[in-house]
Each structure stands twice: as C-alpha cells, then as structure tokens.
Amino acid sequence: MNSSEKLYDYLNTRLPNDMNYESLYNLYYTLFCTLDILPDNLKSLKLTKETLAKTFSKLSSQKNITNLVSNNNIIDENYWIKQIAISMREDKSPNHEKARILIGIK
C-alpha cells in the first residue's frame, strides 16, 4: 500500500461525511507543512504535494464538502497542488490545532 492510500484510509475513517471546505483545506495545508499531527505509525509516510493532492482529491469525491470558495474542481489533483503554491505565495500559515481537532488528535 502506498503513502496516499495509507493516508486516505486513515483520514477517510476520521473525517466526518459532511465538512466545510475551509476545514478540509486547513488539514491539507497542515499536512503539507508538518506530519506532527499524525499518529506515530503514519509520520514516516512520504507525503509529497502530489501524494497529498491525490489523497485530498479522492477525499473530496467521497465527502460532502460545503462552503466551497469557488467552482473549481476540488476532485482534480492539480487543483490541490495549485492551492499549496497560492498559500505559500500569500505567506499563509495553517492552523495546526484545528487540523488536530478535525481528525480527533489531542
């Protein structure tokens, strides 16, 4: 099983079926910046931006994502990759605590 499949399996069981886009995106960007919010057995995963994009495009197709900020296709891997570049250019920081709460990690 590759990294995107392992991460997907873990997140899919932890995330609610209905969630807002902002929470999903914050989790995505947090995982791009750090693996500290994951349990020890997943911290060794190789999570490239492509791996994360694949995982989150699949999650987006399986979950009911509300409050989308645009009509972009969030089930497209390229959409997620572009979001990292945008956030980095804008010097945004993810909210690690909200990401932890979302996946039930204290």
PDB file of N, CA and C in Angstrom:
ATOM      1  N   MET A   1       0.857  -1.178   0.000  1.00  0.00           N
ATOM      2  CA  MET A   1       0.000   0.000   0.000  1.00  0.00           C
ATOM      3  C   MET A   1       0.902   1.241   0.000  1.00  0.00           C
ATOM      4  N   ASN A   2       0.627   2.182  -0.900  1.00  0.00           N
ATOM      5  CA  ASN A   2       1.473   3.370  -0.971  1.00  0.00           C
ATOM      6  C   ASN A   2       1.022   4.442   0.023  1.00  0.00           C
ATOM      7  N   SER A   3       1.800   5.523   0.103  1.00  0.00           N
ATOM      8  CA  SER A   3       1.543   6.571   1.095  1.00  0.00           C
ATOM      9  C   SER A   3       0.179   7.222   0.942  1.00  0.00           C
ATOM     10  N   SER A   4      -0.228   7.498  -0.297  1.00  0.00           N
ATOM     11  CA  SER A   4      -1.529   8.157  -0.474  1.00  0.00           C
ATOM     12  C   SER A   4      -2.673   7.242  -0.038  1.00  0.00           C
ATOM     13  N   GLU A   5      -2.553   5.945  -0.290  1.00  0.00           N
ATOM     14  CA  GLU A   5      -3.592   5.009   0.133  1.00  0.00           C
ATOM     15  C   GLU A   5      -3.653   4.893   1.656  1.00  0.00           C
ATOM     16  N   LYS A   6      -2.489   4.832   2.296  1.00  0.00           N
ATOM     17  CA  LYS A   6      -2.458   4.749   3.761  1.00  0.00           C
ATOM     18  C   LYS A   6      -3.060   6.005   4.383  1.00  0.00           C
ATOM     19  N   LEU A   7      -2.668   7.158   3.866  1.00  0.00           N
ATOM     20  CA  LEU A   7      -3.199   8.403   4.408  1.00  0.00           C
ATOM     21  C   LEU A   7      -4.694   8.500   4.149  1.00  0.00           C
ATOM     22  N   TYR A   8      -5.122   8.152   2.949  1.00  0.00           N
ATOM     23  CA  TYR A   8      -6.548   8.186   2.636  1.00  0.00           C
ATOM     24  C   TYR A   8      -7.335   7.278   3.582  1.00  0.00           C
ATOM     25  N   ASP A   9      -6.882   6.057   3.763  1.00  0.00           N
ATOM     26  CA  ASP A   9      -7.584   5.117   4.637  1.00  0.00           C
ATOM     27  C   ASP A   9      -7.709   5.678   6.049  1.00  0.00           C
ATOM     28  N   TYR A  10      -6.649   6.284   6.531  1.00  0.00           N
ATOM     29  CA  TYR A  10      -6.676   6.861   7.879  1.00  0.00           C
ATOM     30  C   TYR A  10      -7.644   8.046   7.950  1.00  0.00           C
ATOM     31  N   LEU A  11      -7.496   8.997   7.031  1.00  0.00           N
ATOM     32  CA  LEU A  11      -8.317  10.209   7.081  1.00  0.00           C
ATOM     33  C   LEU A  11      -9.787   9.923   6.785  1.00  0.00           C
ATOM     34  N   ASN A  12     -10.053   9.040   5.866  1.00  0.00           N
ATOM     35  CA  ASN A  12     -11.434   8.752   5.484  1.00  0.00           C
ATOM     36  C   ASN A  12     -12.250   8.257   6.678  1.00  0.00           C
ATOM     37  N   THR A  13     -11.626   7.496   7.547  1.00  0.00           N
ATOM     38  CA  THR A  13     -12.347   6.999   8.723  1.00  0.00           C
ATOM     39  C   THR A  13     -12.460   8.050   9.825  1.00  0.00           C
ATOM     40  N   ARG A  14     -11.576   9.033   9.829  1.00  0.00           N
ATOM     41  CA  ARG A  14     -11.552  10.037  10.893  1.00  0.00           C
ATOM     42  C   ARG A  14     -12.392  11.278  10.570  1.00  0.00           C
ATOM     43  N   LEU A  15     -12.522  11.585   9.291  1.00  0.00           N
ATOM     44  CA  LEU A  15     -13.219  12.814   8.891  1.00  0.00           C
ATOM     45  C   LEU A  15     -14.724  12.586   8.807  1.00  0.00           C
ATOM     46  N   PRO A  16     -15.505  13.607   9.153  1.00  0.00           N
ATOM     47  CA  PRO A  16     -16.962  13.473   9.026  1.00  0.00           C
ATOM     48  C   PRO A  16     -17.367  13.417   7.554  1.00  0.00           C
ATOM     49  N   ASN A  17     -18.528  12.864   7.281  1.00  0.00           N
ATOM     50  CA  ASN A  17     -19.006  12.794   5.897  1.00  0.00           C
ATOM     51  C   ASN A  17     -19.350  14.174   5.353  1.00  0.00           C
ATOM     52  N   ASP A  18     -19.824  15.062   6.214  1.00  0.00           N
ATOM     53  CA  ASP A  18     -20.130  16.442   5.817  1.00  0.00           C
ATOM     54  C   ASP A  18     -19.134  17.361   6.498  1.00  0.00           C
ATOM     55  N   MET A  19     -18.413  18.107   5.697  1.00  0.00           N
ATOM     56  CA  MET A  19     -17.442  19.040   6.263  1.00  0.00           C
ATOM     57  C   MET A  19     -17.270  20.236   5.349  1.00  0.00           C
ATOM     58  N   ASN A  20     -16.832  21.353   5.936  1.00  0.00           N
ATOM     59  CA  ASN A  20     -16.672  22.534   5.101  1.00  0.00           C
ATOM     60  C   ASN A  20     -15.284  22.554   4.457  1.00  0.00           C
ATOM     61  N   TYR A  21     -15.230  23.244   3.360  1.00  0.00           N
ATOM     62  CA  TYR A  21     -14.001  23.311   2.567  1.00  0.00           C
ATOM     63  C   TYR A  21     -12.842  23.881   3.377  1.00  0.00           C
ATOM     64  N   GLU A  22     -13.096  24.919   4.136  1.00  0.00           N
ATOM     65  CA  GLU A  22     -12.028  25.566   4.901  1.00  0.00           C
ATOM     66  C   GLU A  22     -11.330  24.570   5.835  1.00  0.00           C
ATOM     67  N   SER A  23     -12.092  23.733   6.497  1.00  0.00           N
ATOM     68  CA  SER A  23     -11.517  22.728   7.397  1.00  0.00           C
ATOM     69  C   SER A  23     -10.701  21.695   6.627  1.00  0.00           C
ATOM     70  N   LEU A  24     -11.229  21.251   5.501  1.00  0.00           N
ATOM     71  CA  LEU A  24     -10.512  20.279   4.685  1.00  0.00           C
ATOM     72  C   LEU A  24      -9.217  20.874   4.154  1.00  0.00           C
ATOM     73  N   TYR A  25      -9.298  22.099   3.654  1.00  0.00           N
ATOM     74  CA  TYR A  25      -8.093  22.745   3.126  1.00  0.00           C
ATOM     75  C   TYR A  25      -7.063  22.978   4.230  1.00  0.00           C
ATOM     76  N   ASN A  26      -7.504  23.404   5.406  1.00  0.00           N
ATOM     77  CA  ASN A  26      -6.571  23.622   6.503  1.00  0.00           C
ATOM     78  C   ASN A  26      -5.840  22.325   6.854  1.00  0.00           C
ATOM     79  N   LEU A  27      -6.554  21.209   6.867  1.00  0.00           N
ATOM     80  CA  LEU A  27      -5.931  19.921   7.128  1.00  0.00           C
ATOM     81  C   LEU A  27      -4.901  19.598   6.044  1.00  0.00           C
ATOM     82  N   TYR A  28      -5.268  19.819   4.814  1.00  0.00           N
ATOM     83  CA  TYR A  28      -4.364  19.573   3.681  1.00  0.00           C
ATOM     84  C   TYR A  28      -3.082  20.387   3.820  1.00  0.00           C
ATOM     85  N   TYR A  29      -3.225  21.673   4.061  1.00  0.00           N
ATOM     86  CA  TYR A  29      -2.049  22.546   4.142  1.00  0.00           C
ATOM     87  C   TYR A  29      -1.228  22.242   5.399  1.00  0.00           C
ATOM     88  N   THR A  30      -1.890  21.875   6.481  1.00  0.00           N
ATOM     89  CA  THR A  30      -1.169  21.490   7.689  1.00  0.00           C
ATOM     90  C   THR A  30      -0.293  20.270   7.414  1.00  0.00           C
ATOM     91  N   LEU A  31      -0.864  19.274   6.730  1.00  0.00           N
ATOM     92  CA  LEU A  31      -0.090  18.061   6.419  1.00  0.00           C
ATOM     93  C   LEU A  31       1.040  18.343   5.439  1.00  0.00           C
ATOM     94  N   PHE A  32       0.888  19.350   4.608  1.00  0.00           N
ATOM     95  CA  PHE A  32       1.983  19.746   3.719  1.00  0.00           C
ATOM     96  C   PHE A  32       3.131  20.336   4.546  1.00  0.00           C
ATOM     97  N   CYS A  33       2.781  21.048   5.608  1.00  0.00           N
ATOM     98  CA  CYS A  33       3.790  21.730   6.428  1.00  0.00           C
ATOM     99  C   CYS A  33       4.403  20.850   7.517  1.00  0.00           C
ATOM    100  N   THR A  34       3.623  19.917   8.045  1.00  0.00           N
ATOM    101  CA  THR A  34       4.115  19.074   9.135  1.00  0.00           C
ATOM    102  C   THR A  34       3.337  17.767   9.213  1.00  0.00           C
ATOM    103  N   LEU A  35       4.013  16.737   9.659  1.00  0.00           N
ATOM    104  CA  LEU A  35       3.354  15.448   9.904  1.00  0.00           C
ATOM    105  C   LEU A  35       3.103  15.238  11.396  1.00  0.00           C
ATOM    106  N   ASP A  36       3.414  16.237  12.198  1.00  0.00           N
ATOM    107  CA  ASP A  36       3.294  16.116  13.649  1.00  0.00           C
ATOM    108  C   ASP A  36       1.877  15.816  14.122  1.00  0.00           C
ATOM    109  N   ILE A  37       0.876  16.112  13.327  1.00  0.00           N
ATOM    110  CA  ILE A  37      -0.495  15.864  13.779  1.00  0.00           C
ATOM    111  C   ILE A  37      -0.932  14.420  13.525  1.00  0.00           C
ATOM    112  N   LEU A  38      -0.102  13.657  12.851  1.00  0.00           N
ATOM    113  CA  LEU A  38      -0.440  12.258  12.562  1.00  0.00           C
ATOM    114  C   LEU A  38       0.058  11.339  13.671  1.00  0.00           C
ATOM    115  N   PRO A  39      -0.577  10.191  13.832  1.00  0.00           N
ATOM    116  CA  PRO A  39      -0.069   9.213  14.803  1.00  0.00           C
ATOM    117  C   PRO A  39       1.314   8.716  14.371  1.00  0.00           C
ATOM    118  N   ASP A  40       2.062   8.217  15.319  1.00  0.00           N
ATOM    119  CA  ASP A  40       3.448   7.805  15.062  1.00  0.00           C
ATOM    120  C   ASP A  40       3.599   6.847  13.885  1.00  0.00           C
ATOM    121  N   ASN A  41       2.657   5.922  13.736  1.00  0.00           N
ATOM    122  CA  ASN A  41       2.787   4.935  12.659  1.00  0.00           C
ATOM    123  C   ASN A  41       2.612   5.534  11.259  1.00  0.00           C
ATOM    124  N   LEU A  42       2.144   6.787  11.166  1.00  0.00           N
ATOM    125  CA  LEU A  42       1.986   7.432   9.858  1.00  0.00           C
ATOM    126  C   LEU A  42       2.990   8.558   9.624  1.00  0.00           C
ATOM    127  N   LYS A  43       3.765   8.908  10.612  1.00  0.00           N
ATOM    128  CA  LYS A  43       4.710  10.020  10.478  1.00  0.00           C
ATOM    129  C   LYS A  43       5.855   9.710   9.516  1.00  0.00           C
ATOM    130  N   SER A  44       6.057   8.465   9.181  1.00  0.00           N
ATOM    131  CA  SER A  44       7.133   8.102   8.264  1.00  0.00           C
ATOM    132  C   SER A  44       6.677   8.083   6.795  1.00  0.00           C
ATOM    133  N   LEU A  45       5.399   8.388   6.551  1.00  0.00           N
ATOM    134  CA  LEU A  45       4.911   8.408   5.172  1.00  0.00           C
ATOM    135  C   LEU A  45       5.623   9.479   4.361  1.00  0.00           C
ATOM    136  N   LYS A  46       5.843   9.208   3.107  1.00  0.00           N
ATOM    137  CA  LYS A  46       6.433  10.199   2.201  1.00  0.00           C
ATOM    138  C   LYS A  46       5.288  10.976   1.569  1.00  0.00           C
ATOM    139  N   LEU A  47       4.997  12.146   2.148  1.00  0.00           N
ATOM    140  CA  LEU A  47       3.854  12.935   1.695  1.00  0.00           C
ATOM    141  C   LEU A  47       4.323  14.122   0.874  1.00  0.00           C
ATOM    142  N   THR A  48       4.497  13.878  -0.400  1.00  0.00           N
ATOM    143  CA  THR A  48       4.824  14.959  -1.331  1.00  0.00           C
ATOM    144  C   THR A  48       3.551  15.729  -1.639  1.00  0.00           C
ATOM    145  N   LYS A  49       3.686  16.858  -2.301  1.00  0.00           N
ATOM    146  CA  LYS A  49       2.478  17.605  -2.667  1.00  0.00           C
ATOM    147  C   LYS A  49       1.612  16.788  -3.615  1.00  0.00           C
ATOM    148  N   GLU A  50       2.219  15.950  -4.438  1.00  0.00           N
ATOM    149  CA  GLU A  50       1.454  15.088  -5.339  1.00  0.00           C
ATOM    150  C   GLU A  50       0.700  14.007  -4.577  1.00  0.00           C
ATOM    151  N   THR A  51       1.338  13.435  -3.571  1.00  0.00           N
ATOM    152  CA  THR A  51       0.687  12.419  -2.742  1.00  0.00           C
ATOM    153  C   THR A  51      -0.488  13.023  -1.988  1.00  0.00           C
ATOM    154  N   LEU A  52      -0.267  14.196  -1.414  1.00  0.00           N
ATOM    155  CA  LEU A  52      -1.357  14.872  -0.706  1.00  0.00           C
ATOM    156  C   LEU A  52      -2.489  15.235  -1.658  1.00  0.00           C
ATOM    157  N   ALA A  53      -2.144  15.723  -2.843  1.00  0.00           N
ATOM    158  CA  ALA A  53      -3.170  16.092  -3.821  1.00  0.00           C
ATOM    159  C   ALA A  53      -4.009  14.882  -4.217  1.00  0.00           C
ATOM    160  N   LYS A  54      -3.364  13.761  -4.421  1.00  0.00           N
ATOM    161  CA  LYS A  54      -4.088  12.538  -4.776  1.00  0.00           C
ATOM    162  C   LYS A  54      -5.030  12.130  -3.642  1.00  0.00           C
ATOM    163  N   THR A  55      -4.545  12.186  -2.423  1.00  0.00           N
ATOM    164  CA  THR A  55      -5.346  11.826  -1.256  1.00  0.00           C
ATOM    165  C   THR A  55      -6.550  12.742  -1.095  1.00  0.00           C
ATOM    166  N   PHE A  56      -6.311  14.054  -1.199  1.00  0.00           N
ATOM    167  CA  PHE A  56      -7.394  15.002  -0.940  1.00  0.00           C
ATOM    168  C   PHE A  56      -8.379  15.112  -2.108  1.00  0.00           C
ATOM    169  N   SER A  57      -7.929  14.840  -3.310  1.00  0.00           N
ATOM    170  CA  SER A  57      -8.895  14.805  -4.413  1.00  0.00           C
ATOM    171  C   SER A  57      -9.827  13.613  -4.232  1.00  0.00           C
ATOM    172  N   LYS A  58      -9.299  12.498  -3.754  1.00  0.00           N
ATOM    173  CA  LYS A  58     -10.121  11.320  -3.503  1.00  0.00           C
ATOM    174  C   LYS A  58     -11.074  11.570  -2.326  1.00  0.00           C
ATOM    175  N   LEU A  59     -10.574  12.180  -1.258  1.00  0.00           N
ATOM    176  CA  LEU A  59     -11.444  12.525  -0.125  1.00  0.00           C
ATOM    177  C   LEU A  59     -12.565  13.460  -0.572  1.00  0.00           C
ATOM    178  N   SER A  60     -12.228  14.419  -1.420  1.00  0.00           N
ATOM    179  CA  SER A  60     -13.215  15.387  -1.906  1.00  0.00           C
ATOM    180  C   SER A  60     -14.320  14.730  -2.711  1.00  0.00           C
ATOM    181  N   SER A  61     -13.989  13.632  -3.364  1.00  0.00           N
ATOM    182  CA  SER A  61     -15.005  12.930  -4.151  1.00  0.00           C
ATOM    183  C   SER A  61     -15.883  12.040  -3.270  1.00  0.00           C
ATOM    184  N   GLN A  62     -15.405  11.712  -2.066  1.00  0.00           N
ATOM    185  CA  GLN A  62     -16.138  10.817  -1.180  1.00  0.00           C
ATOM    186  C   GLN A  62     -16.928  11.530  -0.090  1.00  0.00           C
ATOM    187  N   LYS A  63     -16.529  12.738   0.224  1.00  0.00           N
ATOM    188  CA  LYS A  63     -17.164  13.500   1.306  1.00  0.00           C
ATOM    189  C   LYS A  63     -18.051  14.590   0.714  1.00  0.00           C
ATOM    190  N   ASN A  64     -19.011  15.031   1.501  1.00  0.00           N
ATOM    191  CA  ASN A  64     -19.849  16.157   1.108  1.00  0.00           C
ATOM    192  C   ASN A  64     -19.164  17.434   1.606  1.00  0.00           C
ATOM    193  N   ILE A  65     -18.525  18.148   0.690  1.00  0.00           N
ATOM    194  CA  ILE A  65     -17.764  19.348   1.044  1.00  0.00           C
ATOM    195  C   ILE A  65     -18.650  20.564   0.816  1.00  0.00           C
ATOM    196  N   THR A  66     -18.841  21.329   1.887  1.00  0.00           N
ATOM    197  CA  THR A  66     -19.708  22.501   1.827  1.00  0.00           C
ATOM    198  C   THR A  66     -18.891  23.786   1.878  1.00  0.00           C
ATOM    199  N   ASN A  67     -19.558  24.882   1.564  1.00  0.00           N
ATOM    200  CA  ASN A  67     -18.955  26.220   1.617  1.00  0.00           C
ATOM    201  C   ASN A  67     -17.716  26.347   0.734  1.00  0.00           C
ATOM    202  N   LEU A  68     -17.825  25.834  -0.468  1.00  0.00           N
ATOM    203  CA  LEU A  68     -16.719  25.970  -1.413  1.00  0.00           C
ATOM    204  C   LEU A  68     -16.522  27.436  -1.749  1.00  0.00           C
ATOM    205  N   VAL A  69     -15.274  27.843  -1.872  1.00  0.00           N
ATOM    206  CA  VAL A  69     -14.976  29.244  -2.148  1.00  0.00           C
ATOM    207  C   VAL A  69     -15.052  29.579  -3.630  1.00  0.00           C
ATOM    208  N   SER A  70     -15.080  28.560  -4.464  1.00  0.00           N
ATOM    209  CA  SER A  70     -15.167  28.787  -5.909  1.00  0.00           C
ATOM    210  C   SER A  70     -15.776  27.554  -6.565  1.00  0.00           C
ATOM    211  N   ASN A  71     -15.921  27.624  -7.855  1.00  0.00           N
ATOM    212  CA  ASN A  71     -16.457  26.488  -8.600  1.00  0.00           C
ATOM    213  C   ASN A  71     -15.365  25.577  -9.148  1.00  0.00           C
ATOM    214  N   ASN A  72     -14.154  25.746  -8.640  1.00  0.00           N
ATOM    215  CA  ASN A  72     -13.055  24.897  -9.099  1.00  0.00           C
ATOM    216  C   ASN A  72     -13.339  23.444  -8.774  1.00  0.00           C
ATOM    217  N   ASN A  73     -12.756  22.577  -9.531  1.00  0.00           N
ATOM    218  CA  ASN A  73     -12.974  21.150  -9.383  1.00  0.00           C
ATOM    219  C   ASN A  73     -12.051  20.589  -8.304  1.00  0.00           C
ATOM    220  N   ILE A  74     -12.552  20.459  -7.081  1.00  0.00           N
ATOM    221  CA  ILE A  74     -11.704  20.018  -5.983  1.00  0.00           C
ATOM    222  C   ILE A  74     -11.394  18.522  -6.020  1.00  0.00           C
ATOM    223  N   ILE A  75     -11.991  17.804  -6.957  1.00  0.00           N
ATOM    224  CA  ILE A  75     -11.625  16.387  -7.087  1.00  0.00           C
ATOM    225  C   ILE A  75     -10.481  16.201  -8.087  1.00  0.00           C
ATOM    226  N   ASP A  76      -9.976  17.300  -8.610  1.00  0.00           N
ATOM    227  CA  ASP A  76      -8.838  17.282  -9.533  1.00  0.00           C
ATOM    228  C   ASP A  76      -7.543  17.467  -8.726  1.00  0.00           C
ATOM    229  N   GLU A  77      -6.598  16.576  -8.884  1.00  0.00           N
ATOM    230  CA  GLU A  77      -5.329  16.655  -8.148  1.00  0.00           C
ATOM    231  C   GLU A  77      -4.605  17.973  -8.403  1.00  0.00           C
ATOM    232  N   ASN A  78      -4.662  18.479  -9.626  1.00  0.00           N
ATOM    233  CA  ASN A  78      -3.974  19.740  -9.945  1.00  0.00           C
ATOM    234  C   ASN A  78      -4.540  20.911  -9.158  1.00  0.00           C
ATOM    235  N   TYR A  79      -5.819  20.868  -8.848  1.00  0.00           N
ATOM    236  CA  TYR A  79      -6.425  21.925  -8.038  1.00  0.00           C
ATOM    237  C   TYR A  79      -5.694  22.020  -6.698  1.00  0.00           C
ATOM    238  N   TRP A  80      -5.494  20.879  -6.049  1.00  0.00           N
ATOM    239  CA  TRP A  80      -4.869  20.862  -4.728  1.00  0.00           C
ATOM    240  C   TRP A  80      -3.415  21.300  -4.796  1.00  0.00           C
ATOM    241  N   ILE A  81      -2.710  20.877  -5.816  1.00  0.00           N
ATOM    242  CA  ILE A  81      -1.309  21.290  -5.966  1.00  0.00           C
ATOM    243  C   ILE A  81      -1.218  22.808  -6.113  1.00  0.00           C
ATOM    244  N   LYS A  82      -2.102  23.388  -6.881  1.00  0.00           N
ATOM    245  CA  LYS A  82      -2.108  24.844  -7.064  1.00  0.00           C
ATOM    246  C   LYS A  82      -2.396  25.579  -5.761  1.00  0.00           C
ATOM    247  N   GLN A  83      -3.222  24.986  -4.902  1.00  0.00           N
ATOM    248  CA  GLN A  83      -3.564  25.647  -3.638  1.00  0.00           C
ATOM    249  C   GLN A  83      -2.351  25.805  -2.729  1.00  0.00           C
ATOM    250  N   ILE A  84      -1.443  24.853  -2.769  1.00  0.00           N
ATOM    251  CA  ILE A  84      -0.213  24.979  -1.980  1.00  0.00           C
ATOM    252  C   ILE A  84       0.587  26.176  -2.471  1.00  0.00           C
ATOM    253  N   ALA A  85       0.739  26.291  -3.763  1.00  0.00           N
ATOM    254  CA  ALA A  85       1.510  27.414  -4.320  1.00  0.00           C
ATOM    255  C   ALA A  85       0.875  28.750  -3.942  1.00  0.00           C
ATOM    256  N   ILE A  86      -0.437  28.818  -4.021  1.00  0.00           N
ATOM    257  CA  ILE A  86      -1.142  30.057  -3.674  1.00  0.00           C
ATOM    258  C   ILE A  86      -0.914  30.413  -2.205  1.00  0.00           C
ATOM    259  N   SER A  87      -1.069  29.464  -1.325  1.00  0.00           N
ATOM    260  CA  SER A  87      -0.895  29.727   0.104  1.00  0.00           C
ATOM    261  C   SER A  87       0.536  30.128   0.432  1.00  0.00           C
ATOM    262  N   MET A  88       1.489  29.510  -0.220  1.00  0.00           N
ATOM    263  CA  MET A  88       2.890  29.858   0.033  1.00  0.00           C
ATOM    264  C   MET A  88       3.201  31.266  -0.468  1.00  0.00           C
ATOM    265  N   ARG A  89       2.684  31.609  -1.640  1.00  0.00           N
ATOM    266  CA  ARG A  89       2.900  32.969  -2.161  1.00  0.00           C
ATOM    267  C   ARG A  89       2.284  34.008  -1.237  1.00  0.00           C
ATOM    268  N   GLU A  90       1.134  33.696  -0.674  1.00  0.00           N
ATOM    269  CA  GLU A  90       0.436  34.628   0.216  1.00  0.00           C
ATOM    270  C   GLU A  90       0.953  34.545   1.648  1.00  0.00           C
ATOM    271  N   ASP A  91       1.945  33.686   1.881  1.00  0.00           N
ATOM    272  CA  ASP A  91       2.563  33.524   3.193  1.00  0.00           C
ATOM    273  C   ASP A  91       1.534  33.174   4.268  1.00  0.00           C
ATOM    274  N   LYS A  92       0.606  32.294   3.918  1.00  0.00           N
ATOM    275  CA  LYS A  92      -0.409  31.835   4.865  1.00  0.00           C
ATOM    276  C   LYS A  92       0.160  30.716   5.726  1.00  0.00           C
ATOM    277  N   SER A  93      -0.340  30.639   6.928  1.00  0.00           N
ATOM    278  CA  SER A  93       0.037  29.559   7.840  1.00  0.00           C
ATOM    279  C   SER A  93      -1.198  28.737   8.163  1.00  0.00           C
ATOM    280  N   PRO A  94      -1.056  27.424   8.195  1.00  0.00           N
ATOM    281  CA  PRO A  94      -2.209  26.588   8.566  1.00  0.00           C
ATOM    282  C   PRO A  94      -2.438  26.636  10.069  1.00  0.00           C
ATOM    283  N   ASN A  95      -3.642  26.285  10.479  1.00  0.00           N
ATOM    284  CA  ASN A  95      -3.984  26.215  11.894  1.00  0.00           C
ATOM    285  C   ASN A  95      -3.859  24.754  12.324  1.00  0.00           C
ATOM    286  N   HIS A  96      -2.734  24.431  12.911  1.00  0.00           N
ATOM    287  CA  HIS A  96      -2.437  23.043  13.288  1.00  0.00           C
ATOM    288  C   HIS A  96      -3.424  22.519  14.325  1.00  0.00           C
ATOM    289  N   GLU A  97      -3.830  23.381  15.254  1.00  0.00           N
ATOM    290  CA  GLU A  97      -4.750  22.943  16.307  1.00  0.00           C
ATOM    291  C   GLU A  97      -6.108  22.547  15.717  1.00  0.00           C
ATOM    292  N   LYS A  98      -6.617  23.345  14.778  1.00  0.00           N
ATOM    293  CA  LYS A  98      -7.895  22.999  14.136  1.00  0.00           C
ATOM    294  C   LYS A  98      -7.779  21.685  13.359  1.00  0.00           C
ATOM    295  N   ALA A  99      -6.640  21.459  12.729  1.00  0.00           N
ATOM    296  CA  ALA A  99      -6.426  20.217  11.988  1.00  0.00           C
ATOM    297  C   ALA A  99      -6.419  19.029  12.938  1.00  0.00           C
ATOM    298  N   ARG A 100      -5.758  19.172  14.080  1.00  0.00           N
ATOM    299  CA  ARG A 100      -5.746  18.108  15.088  1.00  0.00           C
ATOM    300  C   ARG A 100      -7.160  17.781  15.562  1.00  0.00           C
ATOM    301  N   ILE A 101      -7.907  18.816  15.855  1.00  0.00           N
ATOM    302  CA  ILE A 101      -9.284  18.627  16.341  1.00  0.00           C
ATOM    303  C   ILE A 101     -10.126  17.912  15.276  1.00  0.00           C
ATOM    304  N   LEU A 102      -9.947  18.304  14.021  1.00  0.00           N
ATOM    305  CA  LEU A 102     -10.723  17.711  12.926  1.00  0.00           C
ATOM    306  C   LEU A 102     -10.525  16.210  12.838  1.00  0.00           C
ATOM    307  N   ILE A 103      -9.301  15.756  13.033  1.00  0.00           N
ATOM    308  CA  ILE A 103      -9.047  14.308  12.926  1.00  0.00           C
ATOM    309  C   ILE A 103      -9.036  13.616  14.293  1.00  0.00           C
ATOM    310  N   GLY A 104      -9.374  14.371  15.339  1.00  0.00           N
ATOM    311  CA  GLY A 104      -9.525  13.768  16.655  1.00  0.00           C
ATOM    312  C   GLY A 104      -8.228  13.461  17.364  1.00  0.00           C
ATOM    313  N   ILE A 105      -7.186  14.255  17.099  1.00  0.00           N
ATOM    314  CA  ILE A 105      -5.894  14.071  17.770  1.00  0.00           C
ATOM    315  C   ILE A 105      -5.744  15.177  18.812  1.00  0.00           C
ATOM    316  N   LYS A 106      -5.335  14.821  20.008  1.00  0.00           N
ATOM    317  CA  LYS A 106      -5.173  15.835  21.069  1.00  0.00           C
ATOM    318  C   LYS A 106      -3.732  16.100  21.372  1.00  0.00           C
TER     319      LYS A 106
END
